[in-house]
Amino acid sequence: MTGGPEPTPTPDPGPAPGPDPEARGLRLVVVLLTLTVVSGLIDAVSYLGLEHVFTANMTGNIVVLGFAAAGAPGFSVSHTLTSLATFLVGAVAGGRIALRLGERSRRTWTRLSLAAEALLVGVAAVIAFAAPDAGATVYAVIAVTAFAMGLRNATVRKLGVPALTTTTVVTMTLTGLAGDSPAAGGSGHHSVRRGALVAAMFSGALLGAWLVLNHGLALPLLVAAGVVGVLAVIASGKE
């Protein structure tokens, strides 16, 4: 006499999935907020130390270019155009990098872009150390830092982290902070991120201005390069 049907064997589930490698490291929200501090620092260097030009904030640069074109004292058309042009070239390079690496590991792509920025800002610091009084130093530091900021902005834009799609301009962030607030009938979604972004920009500008006024150009650039270099080692690919 035979028994009932044999029990169906339980399929082997296989090995348990390991931790997501993209999540290893510092979350992108913190990385981008720290980069915003660096942006404020670099704009303090460029505006206070490089004859009233921005190398991170291109919105401000367009306004500065208008001042310079009108002949306002203390502004330079050639310096501003150098910054705008090299920023755009850097943004093109960042877009190409995103096209090539964006479909791969987000973490690797982010780290490589940050490593390139750290190297470029470090080069600017070396130039400022080596020839602080040379006429070409102003143009070289403007060009290198603006290229680095264009590269970074293209990367940050492609990452698409909500409420942190820029690390150099806070106008739309302030607009979103106020326009989406409960006072305006909104939900206040992402208010913490937006507020932190504004505070980060202010903090970077404050630190950068203090360093420029007390220590010249090279030290704040070296600090910026060091901070971005650390982020290039520890950034994750997750928010």
Protein backbone atom coordinates (compact mmCIF):
# COMPACT_ATOMS: atom_id res chain seq x y z
CA MET A 1 0.00 0.00 0.00
CA THR A 2 1.41 3.35 -1.01
CA GLY A 3 1.06 6.51 1.00
CA GLY A 4 -0.17 9.94 -0.15
CA PRO A 5 1.65 12.17 -2.64
CA GLU A 6 5.17 13.03 -1.75
CA PRO A 7 5.60 16.57 -0.46
CA THR A 8 6.89 19.05 -3.00
CA PRO A 9 10.47 19.93 -2.15
CA THR A 10 11.00 23.49 -1.00
CA PRO A 11 13.11 25.37 -3.53
CA ASP A 12 16.48 26.52 -2.32
CA PRO A 13 16.22 30.29 -1.81
CA GLY A 14 19.93 30.64 -2.46
CA PRO A 15 22.22 32.92 -0.56
CA ALA A 16 20.68 35.89 1.19
CA PRO A 17 21.25 39.17 -0.65
CA GLY A 18 24.15 41.16 0.75
CA PRO A 19 24.11 44.85 1.60
CA ASP A 20 23.59 47.27 -1.26
CA PRO A 21 27.07 48.48 -2.30
CA GLU A 22 25.54 51.77 -3.46
CA ALA A 23 24.55 52.55 0.12
CA ARG A 24 28.07 52.27 1.49
CA GLY A 25 29.40 55.64 2.57
CA LEU A 26 28.02 59.08 3.36
CA ARG A 27 24.51 59.71 2.09
CA LEU A 28 24.17 62.04 -0.90
CA VAL A 29 22.02 64.52 1.01
CA VAL A 30 24.88 65.17 3.42
CA VAL A 31 27.41 65.17 0.58
CA LEU A 32 25.47 67.79 -1.38
CA LEU A 33 24.96 70.00 1.66
CA THR A 34 28.69 69.87 2.34
CA LEU A 35 29.39 70.75 -1.29
CA THR A 36 27.13 73.77 -0.86
CA VAL A 37 29.37 74.94 1.98
CA VAL A 38 32.30 74.57 -0.41
CA SER A 39 30.45 76.62 -3.04
CA GLY A 40 30.00 79.49 -0.61
CA LEU A 41 33.67 79.26 0.30
CA ILE A 42 34.82 79.32 -3.33
CA ASP A 43 32.59 82.24 -4.23
CA ALA A 44 34.02 84.15 -1.27
CA VAL A 45 37.50 83.44 -2.66
CA SER A 46 36.59 84.52 -6.17
CA TYR A 47 34.51 87.59 -5.34
CA LEU A 48 36.71 88.97 -2.57
CA GLY A 49 40.08 87.83 -3.87
CA LEU A 50 39.73 87.75 -7.66
CA GLU A 51 38.39 91.22 -8.35
CA HIS A 52 34.64 90.76 -7.97
CA VAL A 53 33.90 87.71 -10.07
CA PHE A 54 31.99 84.55 -9.14
CA THR A 55 33.23 81.11 -10.14
CA ALA A 56 30.43 79.02 -8.60
CA ASN A 57 27.35 81.25 -8.87
CA MET A 58 26.76 82.00 -12.55
CA THR A 59 23.54 83.89 -11.83
CA GLY A 60 25.59 86.43 -9.94
CA ASN A 61 28.16 86.40 -12.72
CA ILE A 62 25.63 87.50 -15.34
CA VAL A 63 24.74 90.46 -13.13
CA VAL A 64 28.43 91.22 -12.55
CA LEU A 65 29.03 91.09 -16.31
CA GLY A 66 26.32 93.74 -16.76
CA PHE A 67 28.02 95.92 -14.14
CA ALA A 68 31.39 95.49 -15.85
CA ALA A 69 29.99 96.19 -19.31
CA ALA A 70 28.46 99.42 -18.01
CA GLY A 71 31.87 100.51 -16.75
CA ALA A 72 31.20 100.18 -13.03
CA PRO A 73 34.48 100.42 -11.11
CA GLY A 74 35.94 97.25 -9.61
CA PHE A 75 34.47 94.83 -12.17
CA SER A 76 36.14 93.19 -15.18
CA VAL A 77 34.49 92.00 -18.37
CA SER A 78 37.43 89.73 -19.20
CA HIS A 79 37.50 88.08 -15.78
CA THR A 80 33.75 87.47 -15.81
CA LEU A 81 33.76 86.08 -19.35
CA THR A 82 36.65 83.77 -18.41
CA SER A 83 34.59 82.42 -15.52
CA LEU A 84 31.44 81.97 -17.61
CA ALA A 85 33.26 80.28 -20.48
CA THR A 86 35.23 77.82 -18.37
CA PHE A 87 32.18 77.02 -16.24
CA LEU A 88 30.29 76.05 -19.39
CA VAL A 89 33.20 73.91 -20.60
CA GLY A 90 33.25 72.19 -17.21
CA ALA A 91 29.50 71.58 -17.41
CA VAL A 92 29.95 69.99 -20.84
CA ALA A 93 32.66 67.74 -19.39
CA GLY A 94 30.39 66.83 -16.48
CA GLY A 95 27.59 65.98 -18.87
CA ARG A 96 29.89 63.72 -20.88
CA ILE A 97 31.05 61.97 -17.72
CA ALA A 98 27.43 61.45 -16.66
CA LEU A 99 26.61 60.02 -20.09
CA ARG A 100 29.50 57.59 -19.88
CA LEU A 101 29.24 56.56 -16.23
CA GLY A 102 25.64 57.38 -15.28
CA GLU A 103 24.32 53.93 -16.17
CA ARG A 104 26.92 52.25 -13.98
CA SER A 105 27.41 52.52 -10.25
CA ARG A 106 26.07 55.87 -9.05
CA ARG A 107 28.51 55.72 -6.18
CA THR A 108 31.52 55.28 -8.47
CA TRP A 109 30.34 58.04 -10.80
CA THR A 110 29.84 60.47 -7.91
CA ARG A 111 33.21 59.68 -6.39
CA LEU A 112 35.09 60.08 -9.66
CA SER A 113 33.46 63.44 -10.31
CA LEU A 114 34.28 64.65 -6.80
CA ALA A 115 37.85 63.42 -7.13
CA ALA A 116 38.22 65.46 -10.33
CA GLU A 117 36.83 68.54 -8.58
CA ALA A 118 39.17 68.09 -5.63
CA LEU A 119 42.15 67.79 -7.97
CA LEU A 120 41.18 70.92 -9.89
CA VAL A 121 40.61 73.04 -6.79
CA GLY A 122 43.88 71.69 -5.39
CA VAL A 123 45.65 72.87 -8.56
CA ALA A 124 44.10 76.32 -8.07
CA ALA A 125 45.45 76.35 -4.49
CA VAL A 126 48.93 75.43 -5.70
CA ILE A 127 48.83 78.23 -8.29
CA ALA A 128 47.77 80.73 -5.63
CA PHE A 129 50.57 79.53 -3.30
CA ALA A 130 53.25 79.55 -5.98
CA ALA A 131 52.56 82.89 -7.64
CA PRO A 132 50.20 84.97 -5.50
CA ASP A 133 51.18 88.27 -7.13
CA ALA A 134 51.49 87.21 -10.78
CA GLY A 135 49.04 88.78 -13.19
CA ALA A 136 48.20 85.42 -14.75
CA THR A 137 47.31 83.92 -11.37
CA VAL A 138 43.90 85.63 -11.29
CA TYR A 139 42.93 84.23 -14.68
CA ALA A 140 44.30 80.78 -13.88
CA VAL A 141 42.46 80.47 -10.56
CA ILE A 142 39.24 81.80 -12.10
CA ALA A 143 39.45 79.34 -14.98
CA VAL A 144 40.32 76.28 -12.92
CA THR A 145 37.75 76.83 -10.16
CA ALA A 146 34.97 77.77 -12.62
CA PHE A 147 35.68 74.63 -14.65
CA ALA A 148 35.50 72.56 -11.45
CA MET A 149 32.18 74.14 -10.49
CA GLY A 150 30.72 73.52 -13.94
CA LEU A 151 31.78 69.89 -13.73
CA ARG A 152 30.19 69.55 -10.31
CA ASN A 153 26.94 71.30 -11.24
CA ALA A 154 26.40 69.00 -14.20
CA THR A 155 26.93 66.00 -11.92
CA VAL A 156 24.61 67.28 -9.18
CA ARG A 157 21.90 68.06 -11.73
CA LYS A 158 22.09 64.55 -13.17
CA LEU A 159 21.94 62.99 -9.70
CA GLY A 160 18.52 64.62 -9.27
CA VAL A 161 18.28 64.51 -5.48
CA PRO A 162 14.96 66.24 -4.59
CA ALA A 163 15.36 69.81 -3.27
CA LEU A 164 19.13 69.53 -3.77
CA THR A 165 19.52 69.76 -7.53
CA THR A 166 21.98 72.64 -7.18
CA THR A 167 24.81 73.39 -4.76
CA THR A 168 25.65 76.88 -6.03
CA VAL A 169 22.43 78.94 -6.25
CA VAL A 170 19.78 79.29 -3.54
CA THR A 171 17.25 81.61 -5.23
CA MET A 172 14.93 78.79 -6.29
CA THR A 173 15.58 77.03 -2.99
CA LEU A 174 14.34 80.09 -1.10
CA THR A 175 11.38 80.34 -3.46
CA GLY A 176 10.48 76.71 -2.81
CA LEU A 177 10.99 77.13 0.92
CA ALA A 178 8.53 80.04 1.04
CA GLY A 179 6.18 79.03 -1.79
CA ASP A 180 5.65 75.48 -0.51
CA SER A 181 5.40 76.46 3.15
CA PRO A 182 2.20 76.07 5.21
CA ALA A 183 1.93 79.89 5.23
CA ALA A 184 1.52 79.73 1.44
CA GLY A 185 -0.93 76.83 1.65
CA GLY A 186 1.67 74.17 0.89
CA SER A 187 2.79 71.08 2.74
CA GLY A 188 6.26 72.28 3.64
CA HIS A 189 7.72 69.17 1.97
CA HIS A 190 11.55 69.25 1.86
CA SER A 191 11.63 72.39 4.01
CA VAL A 192 14.39 70.93 6.18
CA ARG A 193 16.59 70.21 3.17
CA ARG A 194 15.97 73.61 1.66
CA GLY A 195 16.66 75.41 4.91
CA ALA A 196 19.83 73.39 5.41
CA LEU A 197 20.97 74.30 1.87
CA VAL A 198 20.58 78.02 2.57
CA ALA A 199 22.40 77.68 5.89
CA ALA A 200 25.19 75.72 4.21
CA MET A 201 25.73 78.43 1.58
CA PHE A 202 25.81 81.13 4.24
CA SER A 203 28.24 79.15 6.38
CA GLY A 204 30.59 78.55 3.46
CA ALA A 205 30.56 82.22 2.47
CA LEU A 206 31.23 83.26 6.06
CA LEU A 207 34.12 80.84 6.45
CA GLY A 208 35.53 81.69 3.03
CA ALA A 209 35.38 85.43 3.64
CA TRP A 210 37.16 85.06 6.99
CA LEU A 211 39.88 82.91 5.45
CA VAL A 212 40.42 85.24 2.48
CA LEU A 213 40.54 88.37 4.62
CA ASN A 214 42.96 86.83 7.10
CA HIS A 215 44.99 84.31 5.08
CA GLY A 216 44.73 85.14 1.37
CA LEU A 217 43.54 82.93 -1.49
CA ALA A 218 45.54 79.74 -1.22
CA LEU A 219 44.43 78.47 2.20
CA PRO A 220 40.65 78.57 1.57
CA LEU A 221 41.18 76.86 -1.78
CA LEU A 222 43.25 74.19 -0.05
CA VAL A 223 40.50 73.71 2.56
CA ALA A 224 37.91 73.37 -0.23
CA ALA A 225 40.04 70.83 -2.08
CA GLY A 226 40.56 68.82 1.11
CA VAL A 227 36.85 68.71 1.96
CA VAL A 228 35.86 67.62 -1.55
CA GLY A 229 38.69 65.07 -1.57
CA VAL A 230 37.31 63.49 1.61
CA LEU A 231 33.82 63.39 0.09
CA ALA A 232 35.27 61.68 -3.00
CA VAL A 233 36.41 58.83 -0.76
CA ILE A 234 33.33 58.42 1.42
CA ALA A 235 30.31 59.43 -0.75
CA SER A 236 27.62 56.81 -1.30
CA GLY A 237 25.24 56.48 -4.24
CA LYS A 238 22.08 56.77 -2.13
CA GLU A 239 20.16 59.71 -0.75
